[in-house]
Amino acid sequence: MDQQKIHPEQGKKRSNLYTVLFIGVCAIILIVLFKAPPETTKKLPYDEIHQKFYPMGKKEAEKFCPSCHDQDKIAPLPKDHPPKYRCLFCHKKEKPQ
């Protein structure tokens, strides 16, 4: 029977290739992350109105958002606002000062 033998040099070359590819992919990911634009979404204000929602979990607090932030309420959302069911996914809580 004739079996193919892998020379140690071939295995080393393949290993080096995978290492270079891995490093290249990691470098590309880092470059993309560093060039990302700064966060521009307004944070959940830490004021008298919103302060009571800070101790709550995100999903629990989000249930109260439509009571004020609806089209005909105190602080209506812009017409081009994305879906309104996950408010605190984008609008992070501010760190209390």
PDB file of N, CA and C in Angstrom:
ATOM      1  N   MET A   1       0.829  -1.182   0.000  1.00  0.00           N
ATOM      2  CA  MET A   1       0.000   0.000   0.000  1.00  0.00           C
ATOM      3  C   MET A   1       0.873   1.244   0.000  1.00  0.00           C
ATOM      4  N   ASP A   2       0.388   2.200  -0.751  1.00  0.00           N
ATOM      5  CA  ASP A   2       1.158   3.434  -0.871  1.00  0.00           C
ATOM      6  C   ASP A   2       0.424   4.541  -0.130  1.00  0.00           C
ATOM      7  N   GLN A   3       0.950   4.964   0.995  1.00  0.00           N
ATOM      8  CA  GLN A   3       0.332   6.034   1.773  1.00  0.00           C
ATOM      9  C   GLN A   3       1.127   7.305   1.606  1.00  0.00           C
ATOM     10  N   GLN A   4       0.396   8.408   1.547  1.00  0.00           N
ATOM     11  CA  GLN A   4       1.075   9.691   1.446  1.00  0.00           C
ATOM     12  C   GLN A   4       1.555  10.097   2.831  1.00  0.00           C
ATOM     13  N   LYS A   5       2.764  10.566   2.877  1.00  0.00           N
ATOM     14  CA  LYS A   5       3.310  11.035   4.137  1.00  0.00           C
ATOM     15  C   LYS A   5       3.383  12.556   4.097  1.00  0.00           C
ATOM     16  N   ILE A   6       2.987  13.162   5.174  1.00  0.00           N
ATOM     17  CA  ILE A   6       3.087  14.610   5.265  1.00  0.00           C
ATOM     18  C   ILE A   6       4.442  14.928   5.849  1.00  0.00           C
ATOM     19  N   HIS A   7       5.158  15.713   5.103  1.00  0.00           N
ATOM     20  CA  HIS A   7       6.467  16.123   5.584  1.00  0.00           C
ATOM     21  C   HIS A   7       6.296  17.135   6.702  1.00  0.00           C
ATOM     22  N   PRO A   8       7.161  17.111   7.687  1.00  0.00           N
ATOM     23  CA  PRO A   8       7.048  18.071   8.777  1.00  0.00           C
ATOM     24  C   PRO A   8       7.072  19.518   8.289  1.00  0.00           C
ATOM     25  N   GLU A   9       7.794  19.789   7.206  1.00  0.00           N
ATOM     26  CA  GLU A   9       7.860  21.157   6.684  1.00  0.00           C
ATOM     27  C   GLU A   9       6.507  21.612   6.143  1.00  0.00           C
ATOM     28  N   GLN A  10       5.755  20.712   5.515  1.00  0.00           N
ATOM     29  CA  GLN A  10       4.438  21.072   4.994  1.00  0.00           C
ATOM     30  C   GLN A  10       3.472  21.406   6.128  1.00  0.00           C
ATOM     31  N   GLY A  11       3.502  20.607   7.179  1.00  0.00           N
ATOM     32  CA  GLY A  11       2.643  20.864   8.325  1.00  0.00           C
ATOM     33  C   GLY A  11       2.982  22.187   8.985  1.00  0.00           C
ATOM     34  N   LYS A  12       4.273  22.502   9.050  1.00  0.00           N
ATOM     35  CA  LYS A  12       4.706  23.754   9.661  1.00  0.00           C
ATOM     36  C   LYS A  12       4.271  24.951   8.813  1.00  0.00           C
ATOM     37  N   LYS A  13       4.369  24.812   7.487  1.00  0.00           N
ATOM     38  CA  LYS A  13       3.951  25.891   6.589  1.00  0.00           C
ATOM     39  C   LYS A  13       2.451  26.148   6.727  1.00  0.00           C
ATOM     40  N   ARG A  14       1.682  25.071   6.810  1.00  0.00           N
ATOM     41  CA  ARG A  14       0.231  25.208   6.949  1.00  0.00           C
ATOM     42  C   ARG A  14      -0.109  25.872   8.286  1.00  0.00           C
ATOM     43  N   SER A  15       0.563  25.470   9.335  1.00  0.00           N
ATOM     44  CA  SER A  15       0.351  26.061  10.656  1.00  0.00           C
ATOM     45  C   SER A  15       0.698  27.551  10.639  1.00  0.00           C
ATOM     46  N   ASN A  16       1.782  27.908   9.992  1.00  0.00           N
ATOM     47  CA  ASN A  16       2.182  29.312   9.883  1.00  0.00           C
ATOM     48  C   ASN A  16       1.149  30.114   9.098  1.00  0.00           C
ATOM     49  N   LEU A  17       0.601  29.511   8.049  1.00  0.00           N
ATOM     50  CA  LEU A  17      -0.424  30.176   7.245  1.00  0.00           C
ATOM     51  C   LEU A  17      -1.664  30.471   8.089  1.00  0.00           C
ATOM     52  N   TYR A  18      -2.111  29.478   8.866  1.00  0.00           N
ATOM     53  CA  TYR A  18      -3.274  29.693   9.738  1.00  0.00           C
ATOM     54  C   TYR A  18      -2.994  30.771  10.776  1.00  0.00           C
ATOM     55  N   THR A  19      -1.801  30.806  11.296  1.00  0.00           N
ATOM     56  CA  THR A  19      -1.429  31.819  12.283  1.00  0.00           C
ATOM     57  C   THR A  19      -1.488  33.211  11.661  1.00  0.00           C
ATOM     58  N   VAL A  20      -0.942  33.356  10.477  1.00  0.00           N
ATOM     59  CA  VAL A  20      -0.949  34.644   9.780  1.00  0.00           C
ATOM     60  C   VAL A  20      -2.382  35.064   9.457  1.00  0.00           C
ATOM     61  N   LEU A  21      -3.204  34.128   8.995  1.00  0.00           N
ATOM     62  CA  LEU A  21      -4.602  34.448   8.696  1.00  0.00           C
ATOM     63  C   LEU A  21      -5.347  34.876   9.957  1.00  0.00           C
ATOM     64  N   PHE A  22      -5.125  34.183  11.065  1.00  0.00           N
ATOM     65  CA  PHE A  22      -5.774  34.532  12.323  1.00  0.00           C
ATOM     66  C   PHE A  22      -5.375  35.932  12.771  1.00  0.00           C
ATOM     67  N   ILE A  23      -4.109  36.238  12.718  1.00  0.00           N
ATOM     68  CA  ILE A  23      -3.619  37.563  13.112  1.00  0.00           C
ATOM     69  C   ILE A  23      -4.191  38.639  12.183  1.00  0.00           C
ATOM     70  N   GLY A  24      -4.284  38.341  10.903  1.00  0.00           N
ATOM     71  CA  GLY A  24      -4.844  39.291   9.941  1.00  0.00           C
ATOM     72  C   GLY A  24      -6.308  39.586  10.226  1.00  0.00           C
ATOM     73  N   VAL A  25      -7.092  38.559  10.494  1.00  0.00           N
ATOM     74  CA  VAL A  25      -8.514  38.745  10.801  1.00  0.00           C
ATOM     75  C   VAL A  25      -8.670  39.551  12.088  1.00  0.00           C
ATOM     76  N   CYS A  26      -7.879  39.235  13.106  1.00  0.00           N
ATOM     77  CA  CYS A  26      -7.936  39.991  14.370  1.00  0.00           C
ATOM     78  C   CYS A  26      -7.578  41.462  14.141  1.00  0.00           C
ATOM     79  N   ALA A  27      -6.582  41.724  13.319  1.00  0.00           N
ATOM     80  CA  ALA A  27      -6.175  43.104  13.033  1.00  0.00           C
ATOM     81  C   ALA A  27      -7.297  43.859  12.326  1.00  0.00           C
ATOM     82  N   ILE A  28      -7.960  43.219  11.383  1.00  0.00           N
ATOM     83  CA  ILE A  28      -9.069  43.861  10.665  1.00  0.00           C
ATOM     84  C   ILE A  28     -10.209  44.189  11.630  1.00  0.00           C
ATOM     85  N   ILE A  29     -10.539  43.258  12.517  1.00  0.00           N
ATOM     86  CA  ILE A  29     -11.606  43.501  13.498  1.00  0.00           C
ATOM     87  C   ILE A  29     -11.245  44.682  14.395  1.00  0.00           C
ATOM     88  N   LEU A  30     -10.013  44.743  14.861  1.00  0.00           N
ATOM     89  CA  LEU A  30      -9.587  45.858  15.715  1.00  0.00           C
ATOM     90  C   LEU A  30      -9.659  47.191  14.985  1.00  0.00           C
ATOM     91  N   ILE A  31      -9.239  47.214  13.734  1.00  0.00           N
ATOM     92  CA  ILE A  31      -9.284  48.452  12.944  1.00  0.00           C
ATOM     93  C   ILE A  31     -10.726  48.929  12.794  1.00  0.00           C
ATOM     94  N   VAL A  32     -11.633  48.004  12.483  1.00  0.00           N
ATOM     95  CA  VAL A  32     -13.044  48.366  12.321  1.00  0.00           C
ATOM     96  C   VAL A  32     -13.602  48.913  13.633  1.00  0.00           C
ATOM     97  N   LEU A  33     -13.274  48.281  14.756  1.00  0.00           N
ATOM     98  CA  LEU A  33     -13.783  48.742  16.049  1.00  0.00           C
ATOM     99  C   LEU A  33     -13.244  50.115  16.426  1.00  0.00           C
ATOM    100  N   PHE A  34     -11.973  50.373  16.150  1.00  0.00           N
ATOM    101  CA  PHE A  34     -11.395  51.674  16.486  1.00  0.00           C
ATOM    102  C   PHE A  34     -11.902  52.795  15.593  1.00  0.00           C
ATOM    103  N   LYS A  35     -12.328  52.466  14.378  1.00  0.00           N
ATOM    104  CA  LYS A  35     -12.823  53.480  13.454  1.00  0.00           C
ATOM    105  C   LYS A  35     -14.332  53.688  13.567  1.00  0.00           C
ATOM    106  N   ALA A  36     -14.985  52.965  14.464  1.00  0.00           N
ATOM    107  CA  ALA A  36     -16.439  53.104  14.647  1.00  0.00           C
ATOM    108  C   ALA A  36     -16.752  54.521  15.130  1.00  0.00           C
ATOM    109  N   PRO A  37     -17.865  55.065  14.683  1.00  0.00           N
ATOM    110  CA  PRO A  37     -18.222  56.424  15.116  1.00  0.00           C
ATOM    111  C   PRO A  37     -18.563  56.445  16.602  1.00  0.00           C
ATOM    112  N   PRO A  38     -18.444  57.596  17.232  1.00  0.00           N
ATOM    113  CA  PRO A  38     -18.787  57.686  18.655  1.00  0.00           C
ATOM    114  C   PRO A  38     -20.293  57.500  18.863  1.00  0.00           C
ATOM    115  N   GLU A  39     -20.648  57.087  20.047  1.00  0.00           N
ATOM    116  CA  GLU A  39     -22.050  56.872  20.379  1.00  0.00           C
ATOM    117  C   GLU A  39     -22.765  58.222  20.453  1.00  0.00           C
ATOM    118  N   THR A  40     -23.879  58.368  19.729  1.00  0.00           N
ATOM    119  CA  THR A  40     -24.591  59.645  19.684  1.00  0.00           C
ATOM    120  C   THR A  40     -26.001  59.554  20.278  1.00  0.00           C
ATOM    121  N   THR A  41     -26.439  58.357  20.624  1.00  0.00           N
ATOM    122  CA  THR A  41     -27.776  58.189  21.169  1.00  0.00           C
ATOM    123  C   THR A  41     -27.859  58.829  22.552  1.00  0.00           C
ATOM    124  N   LYS A  42     -28.929  59.580  22.788  1.00  0.00           N
ATOM    125  CA  LYS A  42     -29.121  60.218  24.090  1.00  0.00           C
ATOM    126  C   LYS A  42     -29.273  59.155  25.167  1.00  0.00           C
ATOM    127  N   LYS A  43     -28.712  59.425  26.327  1.00  0.00           N
ATOM    128  CA  LYS A  43     -28.821  58.512  27.455  1.00  0.00           C
ATOM    129  C   LYS A  43     -30.102  58.799  28.230  1.00  0.00           C
ATOM    130  N   LEU A  44     -30.529  57.813  29.010  1.00  0.00           N
ATOM    131  CA  LEU A  44     -31.675  58.003  29.889  1.00  0.00           C
ATOM    132  C   LEU A  44     -31.276  59.022  30.941  1.00  0.00           C
ATOM    133  N   PRO A  45     -31.967  60.149  31.013  1.00  0.00           N
ATOM    134  CA  PRO A  45     -31.550  61.188  31.956  1.00  0.00           C
ATOM    135  C   PRO A  45     -31.681  60.725  33.408  1.00  0.00           C
ATOM    136  N   TYR A  46     -30.793  61.220  34.220  1.00  0.00           N
ATOM    137  CA  TYR A  46     -30.883  60.945  35.665  1.00  0.00           C
ATOM    138  C   TYR A  46     -31.498  62.178  36.303  1.00  0.00           C
ATOM    139  N   ASP A  47     -32.807  62.327  36.134  1.00  0.00           N
ATOM    140  CA  ASP A  47     -33.530  63.476  36.684  1.00  0.00           C
ATOM    141  C   ASP A  47     -34.681  62.966  37.550  1.00  0.00           C
ATOM    142  N   GLU A  48     -35.480  63.900  38.061  1.00  0.00           N
ATOM    143  CA  GLU A  48     -36.582  63.538  38.963  1.00  0.00           C
ATOM    144  C   GLU A  48     -37.550  62.548  38.315  1.00  0.00           C
ATOM    145  N   ILE A  49     -37.800  62.717  37.040  1.00  0.00           N
ATOM    146  CA  ILE A  49     -38.772  61.875  36.343  1.00  0.00           C
ATOM    147  C   ILE A  49     -38.240  60.459  36.129  1.00  0.00           C
ATOM    148  N   HIS A  50     -36.993  60.331  35.693  1.00  0.00           N
ATOM    149  CA  HIS A  50     -36.438  59.032  35.306  1.00  0.00           C
ATOM    150  C   HIS A  50     -35.681  58.313  36.421  1.00  0.00           C
ATOM    151  N   GLN A  51     -35.399  59.008  37.493  1.00  0.00           N
ATOM    152  CA  GLN A  51     -34.589  58.458  38.578  1.00  0.00           C
ATOM    153  C   GLN A  51     -35.199  57.173  39.156  1.00  0.00           C
ATOM    154  N   LYS A  52     -36.518  57.095  39.213  1.00  0.00           N
ATOM    155  CA  LYS A  52     -37.183  55.929  39.801  1.00  0.00           C
ATOM    156  C   LYS A  52     -37.004  54.658  38.968  1.00  0.00           C
ATOM    157  N   PHE A  53     -36.598  54.810  37.689  1.00  0.00           N
ATOM    158  CA  PHE A  53     -36.430  53.655  36.816  1.00  0.00           C
ATOM    159  C   PHE A  53     -35.019  53.061  36.896  1.00  0.00           C
ATOM    160  N   TYR A  54     -34.087  53.760  37.487  1.00  0.00           N
ATOM    161  CA  TYR A  54     -32.701  53.300  37.554  1.00  0.00           C
ATOM    162  C   TYR A  54     -32.520  52.001  38.336  1.00  0.00           C
ATOM    163  N   PRO A  55     -33.194  51.809  39.464  1.00  0.00           N
ATOM    164  CA  PRO A  55     -33.004  50.543  40.186  1.00  0.00           C
ATOM    165  C   PRO A  55     -33.622  49.338  39.475  1.00  0.00           C
ATOM    166  N   MET A  56     -34.527  49.574  38.546  1.00  0.00           N
ATOM    167  CA  MET A  56     -35.223  48.491  37.830  1.00  0.00           C
ATOM    168  C   MET A  56     -34.316  47.881  36.769  1.00  0.00           C
ATOM    169  N   GLY A  57     -34.643  46.678  36.388  1.00  0.00           N
ATOM    170  CA  GLY A  57     -33.987  46.062  35.241  1.00  0.00           C
ATOM    171  C   GLY A  57     -34.454  46.743  33.965  1.00  0.00           C
ATOM    172  N   LYS A  58     -33.715  46.545  32.880  1.00  0.00           N
ATOM    173  CA  LYS A  58     -34.053  47.224  31.624  1.00  0.00           C
ATOM    174  C   LYS A  58     -35.467  46.898  31.146  1.00  0.00           C
ATOM    175  N   LYS A  59     -35.787  45.602  31.060  1.00  0.00           N
ATOM    176  CA  LYS A  59     -37.094  45.207  30.524  1.00  0.00           C
ATOM    177  C   LYS A  59     -38.236  45.685  31.401  1.00  0.00           C
ATOM    178  N   GLU A  60     -38.021  45.686  32.702  1.00  0.00           N
ATOM    179  CA  GLU A  60     -39.053  46.168  33.621  1.00  0.00           C
ATOM    180  C   GLU A  60     -39.274  47.672  33.447  1.00  0.00           C
ATOM    181  N   ALA A  61     -38.182  48.435  33.341  1.00  0.00           N
ATOM    182  CA  ALA A  61     -38.278  49.889  33.193  1.00  0.00           C
ATOM    183  C   ALA A  61     -38.878  50.279  31.845  1.00  0.00           C
ATOM    184  N   GLU A  62     -38.583  49.514  30.810  1.00  0.00           N
ATOM    185  CA  GLU A  62     -39.078  49.840  29.464  1.00  0.00           C
ATOM    186  C   GLU A  62     -40.599  49.789  29.370  1.00  0.00           C
ATOM    187  N   LYS A  63     -41.234  49.070  30.255  1.00  0.00           N
ATOM    188  CA  LYS A  63     -42.700  48.989  30.235  1.00  0.00           C
ATOM    189  C   LYS A  63     -43.345  50.348  30.510  1.00  0.00           C
ATOM    190  N   PHE A  64     -42.606  51.242  31.180  1.00  0.00           N
ATOM    191  CA  PHE A  64     -43.152  52.543  31.541  1.00  0.00           C
ATOM    192  C   PHE A  64     -42.902  53.614  30.479  1.00  0.00           C
ATOM    193  N   CYS A  65     -42.026  53.374  29.535  1.00  0.00           N
ATOM    194  CA  CYS A  65     -41.661  54.391  28.532  1.00  0.00           C
ATOM    195  C   CYS A  65     -42.854  54.899  27.718  1.00  0.00           C
ATOM    196  N   PRO A  66     -43.721  54.016  27.195  1.00  0.00           N
ATOM    197  CA  PRO A  66     -44.841  54.506  26.368  1.00  0.00           C
ATOM    198  C   PRO A  66     -45.820  55.400  27.120  1.00  0.00           C
ATOM    199  N   SER A  67     -45.832  55.335  28.447  1.00  0.00           N
ATOM    200  CA  SER A  67     -46.781  56.176  29.174  1.00  0.00           C
ATOM    201  C   SER A  67     -46.474  57.662  28.994  1.00  0.00           C
ATOM    202  N   CYS A  68     -45.238  58.018  28.685  1.00  0.00           N
ATOM    203  CA  CYS A  68     -44.868  59.430  28.425  1.00  0.00           C
ATOM    204  C   CYS A  68     -44.384  59.645  26.992  1.00  0.00           C
ATOM    205  N   HIS A  69     -43.698  58.666  26.454  1.00  0.00           N
ATOM    206  CA  HIS A  69     -43.071  58.821  25.140  1.00  0.00           C
ATOM    207  C   HIS A  69     -43.902  58.128  24.069  1.00  0.00           C
ATOM    208  N   ASP A  70     -45.064  58.677  23.807  1.00  0.00           N
ATOM    209  CA  ASP A  70     -45.930  58.181  22.758  1.00  0.00           C
ATOM    210  C   ASP A  70     -46.273  59.373  21.868  1.00  0.00           C
ATOM    211  N   GLN A  71     -46.831  59.143  20.722  1.00  0.00           N
ATOM    212  CA  GLN A  71     -47.064  60.213  19.749  1.00  0.00           C
ATOM    213  C   GLN A  71     -47.848  61.391  20.318  1.00  0.00           C
ATOM    214  N   ASP A  72     -48.821  61.159  21.157  1.00  0.00           N
ATOM    215  CA  ASP A  72     -49.677  62.238  21.653  1.00  0.00           C
ATOM    216  C   ASP A  72     -49.395  62.601  23.111  1.00  0.00           C
ATOM    217  N   LYS A  73     -48.258  62.196  23.613  1.00  0.00           N
ATOM    218  CA  LYS A  73     -47.972  62.402  25.038  1.00  0.00           C
ATOM    219  C   LYS A  73     -46.947  63.516  25.236  1.00  0.00           C
ATOM    220  N   ILE A  74     -46.347  63.564  26.419  1.00  0.00           N
ATOM    221  CA  ILE A  74     -45.435  64.635  26.829  1.00  0.00           C
ATOM    222  C   ILE A  74     -44.223  64.777  25.908  1.00  0.00           C
ATOM    223  N   ALA A  75     -43.532  63.696  25.656  1.00  0.00           N
ATOM    224  CA  ALA A  75     -42.294  63.740  24.860  1.00  0.00           C
ATOM    225  C   ALA A  75     -42.405  62.760  23.699  1.00  0.00           C
ATOM    226  N   PRO A  76     -43.069  63.172  22.607  1.00  0.00           N
ATOM    227  CA  PRO A  76     -43.263  62.242  21.487  1.00  0.00           C
ATOM    228  C   PRO A  76     -41.942  61.869  20.815  1.00  0.00           C
ATOM    229  N   LEU A  77     -41.921  60.681  20.251  1.00  0.00           N
ATOM    230  CA  LEU A  77     -40.744  60.205  19.531  1.00  0.00           C
ATOM    231  C   LEU A  77     -40.772  60.733  18.102  1.00  0.00           C
ATOM    232  N   PRO A  78     -39.601  60.933  17.490  1.00  0.00           N
ATOM    233  CA  PRO A  78     -39.579  61.355  16.081  1.00  0.00           C
ATOM    234  C   PRO A  78     -40.219  60.295  15.189  1.00  0.00           C
ATOM    235  N   LYS A  79     -40.723  60.722  14.047  1.00  0.00           N
ATOM    236  CA  LYS A  79     -41.404  59.797  13.131  1.00  0.00           C
ATOM    237  C   LYS A  79     -40.481  58.703  12.610  1.00  0.00           C
ATOM    238  N   ASP A  80     -39.182  59.000  12.464  1.00  0.00           N
ATOM    239  CA  ASP A  80     -38.248  58.005  11.926  1.00  0.00           C
ATOM    240  C   ASP A  80     -37.572  57.175  13.025  1.00  0.00           C
ATOM    241  N   HIS A  81     -38.128  57.198  14.235  1.00  0.00           N
ATOM    242  CA  HIS A  81     -37.564  56.447  15.364  1.00  0.00           C
ATOM    243  C   HIS A  81     -37.725  54.951  15.110  1.00  0.00           C
ATOM    244  N   PRO A  82     -36.690  54.161  15.413  1.00  0.00           N
ATOM    245  CA  PRO A  82     -36.800  52.704  15.218  1.00  0.00           C
ATOM    246  C   PRO A  82     -37.830  52.087  16.175  1.00  0.00           C
ATOM    247  N   PRO A  83     -38.066  50.783  16.072  1.00  0.00           N
ATOM    248  CA  PRO A  83     -39.069  50.137  16.935  1.00  0.00           C
ATOM    249  C   PRO A  83     -38.913  50.526  18.400  1.00  0.00           C
ATOM    250  N   LYS A  84     -40.042  50.712  19.058  1.00  0.00           N
ATOM    251  CA  LYS A  84     -40.042  51.316  20.390  1.00  0.00           C
ATOM    252  C   LYS A  84     -40.062  50.315  21.537  1.00  0.00           C
ATOM    253  N   TYR A  85     -39.970  49.039  21.279  1.00  0.00           N
ATOM    254  CA  TYR A  85     -40.139  48.064  22.358  1.00  0.00           C
ATOM    255  C   TYR A  85     -38.873  47.788  23.152  1.00  0.00           C
ATOM    256  N   ARG A  86     -37.707  48.253  22.728  1.00  0.00           N
ATOM    257  CA  ARG A  86     -36.460  48.036  23.471  1.00  0.00           C
ATOM    258  C   ARG A  86     -35.737  49.362  23.667  1.00  0.00           C
ATOM    259  N   CYS A  87     -36.334  50.269  24.393  1.00  0.00           N
ATOM    260  CA  CYS A  87     -35.800  51.625  24.591  1.00  0.00           C
ATOM    261  C   CYS A  87     -34.398  51.627  25.187  1.00  0.00           C
ATOM    262  N   LEU A  88     -34.206  50.861  26.265  1.00  0.00           N
ATOM    263  CA  LEU A  88     -32.940  50.908  26.992  1.00  0.00           C
ATOM    264  C   LEU A  88     -31.849  50.065  26.348  1.00  0.00           C
ATOM    265  N   PHE A  89     -32.145  49.474  25.194  1.00  0.00           N
ATOM    266  CA  PHE A  89     -31.095  48.810  24.419  1.00  0.00           C
ATOM    267  C   PHE A  89     -30.180  49.869  23.811  1.00  0.00           C
ATOM    268  N   CYS A  90     -30.764  50.981  23.368  1.00  0.00           N
ATOM    269  CA  CYS A  90     -29.983  52.089  22.785  1.00  0.00           C
ATOM    270  C   CYS A  90     -29.756  53.217  23.792  1.00  0.00           C
ATOM    271  N   HIS A  91     -30.800  53.556  24.531  1.00  0.00           N
ATOM    272  CA  HIS A  91     -30.716  54.664  25.481  1.00  0.00           C
ATOM    273  C   HIS A  91     -30.213  54.137  26.822  1.00  0.00           C
ATOM    274  N   LYS A  92     -28.914  54.117  26.979  1.00  0.00           N
ATOM    275  CA  LYS A  92     -28.274  53.577  28.189  1.00  0.00           C
ATOM    276  C   LYS A  92     -28.547  54.475  29.383  1.00  0.00           C
ATOM    277  N   LYS A  93     -28.465  53.885  30.560  1.00  0.00           N
ATOM    278  CA  LYS A  93     -28.617  54.675  31.784  1.00  0.00           C
ATOM    279  C   LYS A  93     -27.346  55.485  32.035  1.00  0.00           C
ATOM    280  N   GLU A  94     -27.533  56.736  32.439  1.00  0.00           N
ATOM    281  CA  GLU A  94     -26.379  57.570  32.797  1.00  0.00           C
ATOM    282  C   GLU A  94     -25.850  57.111  34.138  1.00  0.00           C
ATOM    283  N   LYS A  95     -24.596  57.363  34.386  1.00  0.00           N
ATOM    284  CA  LYS A  95     -24.039  57.068  35.698  1.00  0.00           C
ATOM    285  C   LYS A  95     -24.391  58.227  36.621  1.00  0.00           C
ATOM    286  N   PRO A  96     -25.058  57.937  37.743  1.00  0.00           N
ATOM    287  CA  PRO A  96     -25.426  59.026  38.674  1.00  0.00           C
ATOM    288  C   PRO A  96     -24.195  59.786  39.145  1.00  0.00           C
ATOM    289  N   GLN A  97     -24.354  61.114  39.224  1.00  0.00           N
ATOM    290  CA  GLN A  97     -23.209  61.948  39.626  1.00  0.00           C
ATOM    291  C   GLN A  97     -23.282  62.309  41.076  1.00  0.00           C
TER     292      GLN A  97
END
